[in-house]
Amino acid sequence: MAKDEVKTQCAAICYRRIFKGSDEIEVLLITSRDSGRWVIPKGWPMRKKKLHQVARQEAWEEAGVRGHVQKTPFGHFSYLKKVSKDEVFPCLVQAHLLTVSKLEEDFPEKGQRQIKWFSPAEAALAVEEPGLRRLFNNLPYHAEPEPTSS
């Protein structure tokens, strides 16, 4: 792979309403296993899975998240992926909104990361990627409305 070749990843912006009927939401961030910085669940495309399905899978594996993922991407952001002490390459991340319905107690990467809820504004301050900050700042205007009962 060429150093300047852009690789694609997919991610989940996991969110929940603060309480039923509220318009206020919280965003779930996790820590990176290598640097400990705040990030969102993300990973590489998987054979025979659509990108929104991969985003849902990564949210489950990395944070124990269960919920509804939107098929249409919410947006994109880029960052430099560090693969060794001296090597980085550019990544373009396709981010999908995921409405969290449950956090499982047991999941594949339990104990490897910290998990914390933030307001969208706090999440924007906690992450390093400017494009992800922009997505968090737009989030309160794009969260799915709460389903109404018939």
N, C-alpha and C. Protein backbone atom coordinates (compact mmCIF):
# COMPACT_ATOMS: atom_id res chain seq x y z
N MET A 1 0.85 -1.18 0.00
CA MET A 1 0.00 0.00 0.00
C MET A 1 0.89 1.24 0.00
N ALA A 2 0.59 2.15 -0.88
CA ALA A 2 1.34 3.41 -0.94
C ALA A 2 1.01 4.25 0.29
N LYS A 3 2.02 4.99 0.79
CA LYS A 3 1.83 5.80 1.99
C LYS A 3 0.73 6.84 1.84
N ASP A 4 0.55 7.36 0.62
CA ASP A 4 -0.45 8.40 0.44
C ASP A 4 -1.79 7.86 -0.07
N GLU A 5 -1.92 6.54 -0.17
CA GLU A 5 -3.19 5.93 -0.59
C GLU A 5 -4.21 6.08 0.54
N VAL A 6 -5.37 6.63 0.22
CA VAL A 6 -6.42 6.83 1.22
C VAL A 6 -7.20 5.54 1.41
N LYS A 7 -7.33 5.11 2.66
CA LYS A 7 -8.10 3.92 3.00
C LYS A 7 -9.43 4.35 3.59
N THR A 8 -10.46 3.54 3.37
CA THR A 8 -11.79 3.83 3.88
C THR A 8 -12.07 3.02 5.14
N GLN A 9 -12.66 3.68 6.13
CA GLN A 9 -13.16 3.00 7.32
C GLN A 9 -14.63 3.40 7.50
N CYS A 10 -15.33 2.64 8.33
CA CYS A 10 -16.71 3.01 8.65
C CYS A 10 -16.84 3.08 10.16
N ALA A 11 -17.73 3.97 10.60
CA ALA A 11 -17.84 4.25 12.03
C ALA A 11 -19.29 4.45 12.43
N ALA A 12 -19.53 4.35 13.73
CA ALA A 12 -20.85 4.59 14.30
C ALA A 12 -20.78 5.78 15.25
N ILE A 13 -21.63 6.76 15.02
CA ILE A 13 -21.84 7.83 16.00
C ILE A 13 -23.03 7.37 16.84
N CYS A 14 -22.72 6.84 18.02
CA CYS A 14 -23.74 6.26 18.89
C CYS A 14 -24.32 7.34 19.80
N TYR A 15 -25.64 7.42 19.86
CA TYR A 15 -26.27 8.45 20.69
C TYR A 15 -27.54 7.91 21.34
N ARG A 16 -27.97 8.60 22.39
CA ARG A 16 -29.22 8.27 23.09
C ARG A 16 -29.86 9.56 23.58
N ARG A 17 -31.14 9.49 23.83
CA ARG A 17 -31.85 10.62 24.43
C ARG A 17 -31.56 10.60 25.93
N ILE A 18 -31.43 11.79 26.52
CA ILE A 18 -31.13 11.87 27.95
C ILE A 18 -32.25 11.23 28.76
N PHE A 19 -33.50 11.47 28.38
CA PHE A 19 -34.63 10.78 28.97
C PHE A 19 -35.75 10.73 27.95
N LYS A 20 -36.67 9.80 28.13
CA LYS A 20 -37.75 9.59 27.17
C LYS A 20 -38.52 10.89 26.94
N GLY A 21 -38.73 11.22 25.67
CA GLY A 21 -39.45 12.42 25.30
C GLY A 21 -38.58 13.66 25.19
N SER A 22 -37.32 13.54 25.56
CA SER A 22 -36.41 14.68 25.53
C SER A 22 -35.83 14.88 24.14
N ASP A 23 -35.54 16.13 23.81
CA ASP A 23 -34.81 16.43 22.58
C ASP A 23 -33.31 16.41 22.82
N GLU A 24 -32.90 16.41 24.09
CA GLU A 24 -31.47 16.42 24.40
C GLU A 24 -30.89 15.02 24.24
N ILE A 25 -29.69 14.98 23.64
CA ILE A 25 -29.05 13.70 23.41
C ILE A 25 -27.65 13.69 24.01
N GLU A 26 -27.13 12.47 24.16
CA GLU A 26 -25.75 12.24 24.56
C GLU A 26 -25.08 11.37 23.51
N VAL A 27 -23.78 11.53 23.38
CA VAL A 27 -22.98 10.79 22.41
C VAL A 27 -22.01 9.88 23.17
N LEU A 28 -21.86 8.66 22.69
CA LEU A 28 -20.95 7.70 23.32
C LEU A 28 -19.57 7.78 22.67
N LEU A 29 -18.55 7.99 23.49
CA LEU A 29 -17.17 7.94 23.01
C LEU A 29 -16.46 6.80 23.72
N ILE A 30 -15.45 6.27 23.05
CA ILE A 30 -14.61 5.22 23.63
C ILE A 30 -13.16 5.67 23.50
N THR A 31 -12.29 5.06 24.28
CA THR A 31 -10.87 5.40 24.14
C THR A 31 -10.22 4.46 23.13
N SER A 32 -9.27 5.01 22.42
CA SER A 32 -8.45 4.23 21.50
C SER A 32 -7.59 3.28 22.34
N ARG A 33 -7.40 2.06 21.85
CA ARG A 33 -6.59 1.10 22.61
C ARG A 33 -5.12 1.50 22.68
N ASP A 34 -4.61 2.14 21.63
CA ASP A 34 -3.17 2.45 21.62
C ASP A 34 -2.85 3.78 22.29
N SER A 35 -3.60 4.84 22.00
CA SER A 35 -3.24 6.17 22.51
C SER A 35 -4.09 6.61 23.70
N GLY A 36 -5.25 6.00 23.90
CA GLY A 36 -6.14 6.40 24.99
C GLY A 36 -6.95 7.65 24.70
N ARG A 37 -6.86 8.17 23.47
CA ARG A 37 -7.63 9.37 23.13
C ARG A 37 -9.08 8.98 22.85
N TRP A 38 -9.99 9.97 22.95
CA TRP A 38 -11.41 9.71 22.73
C TRP A 38 -11.70 9.61 21.24
N VAL A 39 -12.43 8.55 20.86
CA VAL A 39 -12.78 8.26 19.47
C VAL A 39 -14.19 7.68 19.43
N ILE A 40 -14.66 7.37 18.23
CA ILE A 40 -15.92 6.65 18.07
C ILE A 40 -15.60 5.25 17.55
N PRO A 41 -16.50 4.28 17.75
CA PRO A 41 -16.26 2.94 17.22
C PRO A 41 -16.12 2.98 15.70
N LYS A 42 -15.05 2.38 15.20
CA LYS A 42 -14.83 2.36 13.75
C LYS A 42 -13.97 1.17 13.38
N GLY A 43 -14.01 0.84 12.09
CA GLY A 43 -13.20 -0.29 11.63
C GLY A 43 -13.16 -0.35 10.12
N TRP A 44 -12.51 -1.39 9.64
CA TRP A 44 -12.32 -1.60 8.21
C TRP A 44 -13.53 -2.28 7.59
N PRO A 45 -13.82 -2.01 6.32
CA PRO A 45 -14.90 -2.72 5.64
C PRO A 45 -14.72 -4.24 5.75
N MET A 46 -15.83 -4.95 5.79
CA MET A 46 -15.82 -6.41 5.89
C MET A 46 -16.48 -7.00 4.65
N ARG A 47 -15.92 -8.08 4.19
CA ARG A 47 -16.47 -8.78 3.04
C ARG A 47 -17.93 -9.19 3.33
N LYS A 48 -18.78 -8.97 2.36
CA LYS A 48 -20.20 -9.35 2.39
C LYS A 48 -21.03 -8.55 3.40
N LYS A 49 -20.48 -7.43 3.91
CA LYS A 49 -21.27 -6.57 4.80
C LYS A 49 -21.28 -5.17 4.23
N LYS A 50 -22.45 -4.53 4.30
CA LYS A 50 -22.56 -3.13 3.89
C LYS A 50 -21.91 -2.27 4.97
N LEU A 51 -21.51 -1.05 4.59
CA LEU A 51 -20.77 -0.21 5.53
C LEU A 51 -21.56 0.13 6.79
N HIS A 52 -22.88 0.33 6.67
CA HIS A 52 -23.65 0.61 7.88
C HIS A 52 -23.70 -0.61 8.80
N GLN A 53 -23.67 -1.82 8.22
CA GLN A 53 -23.64 -3.03 9.02
C GLN A 53 -22.30 -3.17 9.76
N VAL A 54 -21.23 -2.77 9.08
CA VAL A 54 -19.91 -2.80 9.72
C VAL A 54 -19.88 -1.79 10.88
N ALA A 55 -20.46 -0.62 10.68
CA ALA A 55 -20.51 0.39 11.75
C ALA A 55 -21.23 -0.18 12.97
N ARG A 56 -22.35 -0.85 12.76
CA ARG A 56 -23.10 -1.47 13.86
C ARG A 56 -22.25 -2.55 14.54
N GLN A 57 -21.57 -3.37 13.75
CA GLN A 57 -20.72 -4.44 14.27
C GLN A 57 -19.59 -3.87 15.13
N GLU A 58 -18.95 -2.81 14.65
CA GLU A 58 -17.85 -2.19 15.40
C GLU A 58 -18.35 -1.60 16.72
N ALA A 59 -19.54 -1.00 16.71
CA ALA A 59 -20.11 -0.44 17.94
C ALA A 59 -20.35 -1.55 18.97
N TRP A 60 -20.79 -2.70 18.51
CA TRP A 60 -21.00 -3.85 19.40
C TRP A 60 -19.67 -4.37 19.94
N GLU A 61 -18.71 -4.61 19.05
CA GLU A 61 -17.44 -5.19 19.47
C GLU A 61 -16.65 -4.28 20.40
N GLU A 62 -16.66 -2.97 20.13
CA GLU A 62 -15.81 -2.04 20.86
C GLU A 62 -16.48 -1.44 22.09
N ALA A 63 -17.82 -1.39 22.12
CA ALA A 63 -18.51 -0.72 23.23
C ALA A 63 -19.73 -1.46 23.76
N GLY A 64 -20.10 -2.60 23.17
CA GLY A 64 -21.27 -3.34 23.63
C GLY A 64 -22.59 -2.70 23.24
N VAL A 65 -22.58 -1.86 22.21
CA VAL A 65 -23.77 -1.11 21.80
C VAL A 65 -24.72 -1.98 20.98
N ARG A 66 -26.00 -1.91 21.33
CA ARG A 66 -27.07 -2.48 20.52
C ARG A 66 -28.00 -1.33 20.16
N GLY A 67 -28.52 -1.35 18.93
CA GLY A 67 -29.44 -0.29 18.54
C GLY A 67 -29.67 -0.26 17.05
N HIS A 68 -30.31 0.82 16.61
CA HIS A 68 -30.67 0.98 15.20
C HIS A 68 -29.66 1.89 14.50
N VAL A 69 -29.07 1.38 13.42
CA VAL A 69 -28.11 2.17 12.65
C VAL A 69 -28.78 2.67 11.38
N GLN A 70 -28.51 3.91 11.02
CA GLN A 70 -29.04 4.46 9.78
C GLN A 70 -28.21 3.97 8.60
N LYS A 71 -28.89 3.57 7.53
CA LYS A 71 -28.19 3.07 6.34
C LYS A 71 -27.45 4.17 5.60
N THR A 72 -28.04 5.36 5.58
CA THR A 72 -27.42 6.49 4.88
C THR A 72 -26.36 7.12 5.78
N PRO A 73 -25.17 7.37 5.26
CA PRO A 73 -24.13 7.99 6.09
C PRO A 73 -24.56 9.38 6.58
N PHE A 74 -24.21 9.69 7.81
CA PHE A 74 -24.44 11.02 8.37
C PHE A 74 -23.41 12.01 7.85
N GLY A 75 -22.22 11.49 7.59
CA GLY A 75 -21.14 12.34 7.09
C GLY A 75 -19.83 11.60 7.03
N HIS A 76 -18.78 12.33 6.73
CA HIS A 76 -17.44 11.77 6.59
C HIS A 76 -16.44 12.66 7.34
N PHE A 77 -15.35 12.06 7.76
CA PHE A 77 -14.23 12.83 8.30
C PHE A 77 -12.94 12.08 7.96
N SER A 78 -11.85 12.77 8.04
CA SER A 78 -10.57 12.14 7.72
C SER A 78 -9.62 12.27 8.90
N TYR A 79 -8.65 11.38 8.94
CA TYR A 79 -7.59 11.44 9.95
C TYR A 79 -6.40 10.65 9.45
N LEU A 80 -5.29 10.78 10.14
CA LEU A 80 -4.09 10.02 9.80
C LEU A 80 -3.98 8.84 10.76
N LYS A 81 -4.00 7.64 10.21
CA LYS A 81 -3.91 6.40 10.99
C LYS A 81 -2.45 6.07 11.23
N LYS A 82 -2.09 5.94 12.49
CA LYS A 82 -0.72 5.59 12.84
C LYS A 82 -0.61 4.07 12.87
N VAL A 83 0.26 3.51 12.02
CA VAL A 83 0.42 2.05 11.96
C VAL A 83 1.72 1.59 12.60
N SER A 84 2.65 2.49 12.78
CA SER A 84 3.89 2.21 13.49
C SER A 84 4.46 3.53 13.98
N LYS A 85 5.57 3.46 14.68
CA LYS A 85 6.18 4.68 15.23
C LYS A 85 6.44 5.73 14.16
N ASP A 86 6.84 5.29 12.98
CA ASP A 86 7.22 6.23 11.91
C ASP A 86 6.30 6.23 10.70
N GLU A 87 5.20 5.47 10.76
CA GLU A 87 4.36 5.34 9.56
C GLU A 87 2.90 5.69 9.85
N VAL A 88 2.36 6.58 9.03
CA VAL A 88 0.95 6.93 9.08
C VAL A 88 0.40 6.91 7.66
N PHE A 89 -0.91 6.73 7.54
CA PHE A 89 -1.55 6.86 6.23
C PHE A 89 -2.92 7.49 6.40
N PRO A 90 -3.41 8.17 5.35
CA PRO A 90 -4.70 8.86 5.45
C PRO A 90 -5.88 7.90 5.39
N CYS A 91 -6.88 8.18 6.21
CA CYS A 91 -8.13 7.41 6.21
C CYS A 91 -9.31 8.36 6.06
N LEU A 92 -10.28 7.93 5.26
CA LEU A 92 -11.55 8.62 5.14
C LEU A 92 -12.59 7.74 5.83
N VAL A 93 -13.27 8.30 6.81
CA VAL A 93 -14.22 7.54 7.62
C VAL A 93 -15.65 7.94 7.26
N GLN A 94 -16.46 6.93 6.92
CA GLN A 94 -17.88 7.13 6.65
C GLN A 94 -18.61 6.86 7.96
N ALA A 95 -19.29 7.88 8.50
CA ALA A 95 -19.94 7.78 9.81
C ALA A 95 -21.45 7.62 9.68
N HIS A 96 -21.99 6.65 10.40
CA HIS A 96 -23.43 6.37 10.43
C HIS A 96 -23.96 6.63 11.83
N LEU A 97 -25.13 7.26 11.91
CA LEU A 97 -25.78 7.45 13.21
C LEU A 97 -26.34 6.13 13.70
N LEU A 98 -26.19 5.87 14.99
CA LEU A 98 -26.71 4.66 15.60
C LEU A 98 -27.43 5.07 16.89
N THR A 99 -28.75 4.84 16.92
CA THR A 99 -29.54 5.12 18.11
C THR A 99 -29.37 3.96 19.08
N VAL A 100 -28.79 4.23 20.23
CA VAL A 100 -28.49 3.18 21.21
C VAL A 100 -29.75 2.79 21.96
N SER A 101 -30.06 1.50 21.96
CA SER A 101 -31.18 0.99 22.74
C SER A 101 -30.71 0.24 23.98
N LYS A 102 -29.46 -0.26 23.92
CA LYS A 102 -28.95 -1.06 25.04
C LYS A 102 -27.43 -1.09 24.99
N LEU A 103 -26.80 -1.12 26.17
CA LEU A 103 -25.37 -1.39 26.29
C LEU A 103 -25.23 -2.75 26.96
N GLU A 104 -24.64 -3.69 26.26
CA GLU A 104 -24.43 -5.03 26.81
C GLU A 104 -23.34 -5.01 27.86
N GLU A 105 -23.47 -5.87 28.86
CA GLU A 105 -22.45 -5.99 29.90
C GLU A 105 -21.20 -6.69 29.38
N ASP A 106 -21.39 -7.64 28.48
CA ASP A 106 -20.28 -8.43 27.97
C ASP A 106 -20.18 -8.23 26.46
N PHE A 107 -18.98 -7.92 25.98
CA PHE A 107 -18.75 -7.70 24.55
C PHE A 107 -17.27 -7.96 24.27
N PRO A 108 -16.90 -8.18 23.00
CA PRO A 108 -15.54 -8.64 22.68
C PRO A 108 -14.39 -7.79 23.24
N GLU A 109 -14.49 -6.47 23.24
CA GLU A 109 -13.36 -5.64 23.67
C GLU A 109 -13.56 -5.04 25.06
N LYS A 110 -14.43 -5.68 25.86
CA LYS A 110 -14.67 -5.21 27.23
C LYS A 110 -13.34 -5.20 28.00
N GLY A 111 -13.11 -4.13 28.74
CA GLY A 111 -11.89 -4.01 29.53
C GLY A 111 -10.70 -3.44 28.77
N GLN A 112 -10.84 -3.28 27.45
CA GLN A 112 -9.75 -2.75 26.64
C GLN A 112 -9.89 -1.25 26.39
N ARG A 113 -11.06 -0.71 26.69
CA ARG A 113 -11.34 0.71 26.41
C ARG A 113 -12.20 1.29 27.52
N GLN A 114 -12.13 2.60 27.67
CA GLN A 114 -13.08 3.31 28.52
C GLN A 114 -14.26 3.71 27.65
N ILE A 115 -15.43 3.79 28.26
CA ILE A 115 -16.65 4.18 27.56
C ILE A 115 -17.29 5.30 28.38
N LYS A 116 -17.70 6.38 27.70
CA LYS A 116 -18.27 7.51 28.43
C LYS A 116 -19.27 8.25 27.55
N TRP A 117 -20.36 8.74 28.18
CA TRP A 117 -21.35 9.56 27.49
C TRP A 117 -20.98 11.03 27.62
N PHE A 118 -21.15 11.78 26.52
CA PHE A 118 -20.86 13.21 26.46
C PHE A 118 -22.03 13.93 25.79
N SER A 119 -22.21 15.20 26.10
CA SER A 119 -23.11 16.02 25.28
C SER A 119 -22.42 16.17 23.93
N PRO A 120 -23.15 16.46 22.85
CA PRO A 120 -22.48 16.66 21.56
C PRO A 120 -21.39 17.73 21.62
N ALA A 121 -21.63 18.82 22.36
CA ALA A 121 -20.62 19.89 22.47
C ALA A 121 -19.38 19.39 23.21
N GLU A 122 -19.58 18.61 24.28
CA GLU A 122 -18.44 18.05 25.02
C GLU A 122 -17.67 17.05 24.16
N ALA A 123 -18.41 16.24 23.39
CA ALA A 123 -17.76 15.26 22.51
C ALA A 123 -16.90 15.96 21.48
N ALA A 124 -17.41 17.07 20.94
CA ALA A 124 -16.65 17.83 19.94
C ALA A 124 -15.33 18.34 20.53
N LEU A 125 -15.35 18.70 21.79
CA LEU A 125 -14.12 19.18 22.44
C LEU A 125 -13.18 18.03 22.80
N ALA A 126 -13.74 16.83 23.01
CA ALA A 126 -12.93 15.70 23.47
C ALA A 126 -12.14 15.01 22.36
N VAL A 127 -12.64 15.08 21.12
CA VAL A 127 -11.96 14.38 20.02
C VAL A 127 -10.96 15.29 19.32
N GLU A 128 -10.01 14.68 18.63
CA GLU A 128 -8.95 15.44 17.95
C GLU A 128 -9.29 15.81 16.51
N GLU A 129 -10.09 15.01 15.83
CA GLU A 129 -10.32 15.18 14.40
C GLU A 129 -11.30 16.33 14.14
N PRO A 130 -10.88 17.37 13.41
CA PRO A 130 -11.76 18.50 13.12
C PRO A 130 -13.05 18.09 12.40
N GLY A 131 -12.97 17.15 11.47
CA GLY A 131 -14.16 16.71 10.75
C GLY A 131 -15.16 16.01 11.65
N LEU A 132 -14.68 15.25 12.62
CA LEU A 132 -15.56 14.59 13.58
C LEU A 132 -16.18 15.63 14.52
N ARG A 133 -15.42 16.63 14.90
CA ARG A 133 -15.97 17.73 15.71
C ARG A 133 -17.15 18.37 14.99
N ARG A 134 -16.98 18.61 13.68
CA ARG A 134 -18.04 19.23 12.88
C ARG A 134 -19.29 18.35 12.89
N LEU A 135 -19.12 17.04 12.76
CA LEU A 135 -20.27 16.13 12.78
C LEU A 135 -20.99 16.20 14.13
N PHE A 136 -20.24 16.23 15.23
CA PHE A 136 -20.87 16.33 16.55
C PHE A 136 -21.62 17.65 16.70
N ASN A 137 -21.05 18.72 16.17
CA ASN A 137 -21.72 20.02 16.28
C ASN A 137 -23.01 20.07 15.47
N ASN A 138 -23.13 19.24 14.43
CA ASN A 138 -24.36 19.16 13.63
C ASN A 138 -25.35 18.13 14.16
N LEU A 139 -24.91 17.28 15.05
CA LEU A 139 -25.71 16.15 15.50
C LEU A 139 -27.05 16.52 16.12
N PRO A 140 -27.15 17.50 17.01
CA PRO A 140 -28.45 17.77 17.63
C PRO A 140 -29.55 18.09 16.62
N TYR A 141 -29.18 18.49 15.42
CA TYR A 141 -30.17 18.85 14.41
C TYR A 141 -30.54 17.67 13.51
N HIS A 142 -29.85 16.54 13.66
CA HIS A 142 -30.08 15.42 12.75
C HIS A 142 -30.46 14.11 13.45
N ALA A 143 -30.50 14.09 14.77
CA ALA A 143 -30.86 12.87 15.48
C ALA A 143 -32.28 12.46 15.09
N GLU A 144 -32.48 11.15 15.00
CA GLU A 144 -33.81 10.65 14.63
C GLU A 144 -34.83 11.06 15.68
N PRO A 145 -36.02 11.46 15.25
CA PRO A 145 -37.05 11.77 16.24
C PRO A 145 -37.43 10.50 17.01
N GLU A 146 -37.83 10.69 18.23
CA GLU A 146 -38.25 9.55 19.04
C GLU A 146 -39.53 8.97 18.43
N PRO A 147 -39.60 7.63 18.32
CA PRO A 147 -40.82 7.03 17.74
C PRO A 147 -42.04 7.36 18.60
N THR A 148 -43.15 7.60 17.95
CA THR A 148 -44.40 7.86 18.68
C THR A 148 -45.21 6.58 18.72
N SER A 149 -45.95 6.39 19.80
CA SER A 149 -46.80 5.20 19.87
C SER A 149 -48.14 5.50 19.22
N SER A 150 -48.70 4.46 18.59
CA SER A 150 -49.97 4.68 17.89
C SER A 150 -51.13 4.33 18.76
